[in-house]
Amino acid sequence: MPSGSDHIETSASASENRVRRRAFLSVAAVSPLLPVVSAVSAHAEDQRTADGAAMAQDMLPAGTMEVIGALPDPGPSGITVTPDNRVFLSFPRHAEDHNHPALGELRNGKAVAWPDEKTTLQSSLPIDQRLISPHGMTTDTQGHLWLIDDGKIVGHPIPPGAAKIVGYDTTTRKRIANIVLKAPALLPDSHMNDLRVDLTHGEKGTVFVADSSFGTSPGLVVVDVASGRQRRVLTQHPSILAEPGFVAVLEGKPRHYKAKHAQFPTGGVDSITLSTDCSTLYYSPLTSRRLYSLPTSLLSDFSLTDQQLSDAVVDLGEKVMTDGLATDPWNRLYLTAGEHDAIMRRNTDGSIDVIARDQRIIWPDGIFADKSYVYCVLGQWNRLAGFNDGHNLRQPPYLVVRCPITPPAT
């Protein structure tokens, strides 16, 4: 493990944070596959760390979180779960190059190359048939697995054919879609980050991709599956762009948004999810705390102008800063809340609940919800060397967790 974790903590909170981090990381190391159940005490004001420092109530453990995978390098990013409860993970190469499979199925706590090693490793397959750097993942309403391959290997430009949308039938391992992204939908600094698939519009469906951008050029990309037609939209709309002056507080330290000198993972439109009936796309920039929505009937209509789409954007107000959004069968939205070491839920009335709060929830990334659980990958991306004066502070194992959920009260 890299040393120097104290470097990213403020002096006022360093002692307290070190105690709590060691305690929780020790639990993960000793019992990575055991469920950890934690609840807020009725006497929160009396809670103290081992060195006697008082703990704020919003820093106390809450909810139930089960570790279903504790993985070595490389760290996973995307996650999705099929109707038969198979868990799939993506291992992108845009932050760190690696020679491990880029896509895997989680089996008995370990990631196994899927659909095969030839597709997920450097091989003789053409670049448009290999998975270079898959990132966001999802399943459609028929249970098919979809992923966005950003095509980026750290330190190199995106080669032609590398960035693509890929769909699989997980029962047969057959590739049901392979759509290469091209200019002008794809830009040299594109970061094709996450995607959702709407089967209610278009002959074979429509894919919505969040391009958060490795630079400063984010946008939504809309792709018709049947024809492969694709376009960028809303590239200058405030709902797409990073917020100027944004400050995130991560592991006790304020991090300021600077477009040219990032202090933490930043970017434009990133988190996206669909309503249960696929009528609405919800989305948010990474460097923002606001939630927006658009009707998919308009977004999937290639005849509409940017101005017409802009007029239809709905600002749903504040949430928390999120790197991922997911929808459960009751149309509740799940939020990765890295500033709060938490996974949260936005209910249909706009209220927000804490599903789990745990000091091991360090930069929660990919997220997926079904009728029983919300699943999440804990990526530690804010600890990359580029954000910490050249010091890589990420500490394997990288945890894959799930938290139980129940239907809303009637």
Foldseek 3Di string as FASTA:
>chain_A
DFDDPLLQADPVCSVVLVQQVVVQVVCCVVCVQAKDAFDQDPPQQCDAGPVRHRDDSLQGWHAIKGFQAFADPPAWFAWEAFPVGKIKTARFQAQHHDFDFRIFIQDNRDTDHPPDSCQRGDHPDPLLRHQHGWAYWYAAPVRKIKIWRQQHHHPDWRDFNNTWIWIADVVVSDIPARQTDDPPLDDRFWDQHYKDWACPDAPRTKMWTWGFGNAFFTFIKIAHGVVSDIDTAPRPPPQFGADAFFWFQASNRIFTDDRVQGLFDFGGKAAWEAFLNRQKIWIGGLNFFWIKIAGVVVVNDPVDHNVVRSVRIDTPGGHARANYWEAENQRKIWGLHQSSQFIWIQDPVRDIGTNTHGSQQHRWHHWYYYQFKIKIKRNNRSQCLSNRVNGRPDDGRTTIMIGTDHDDDD
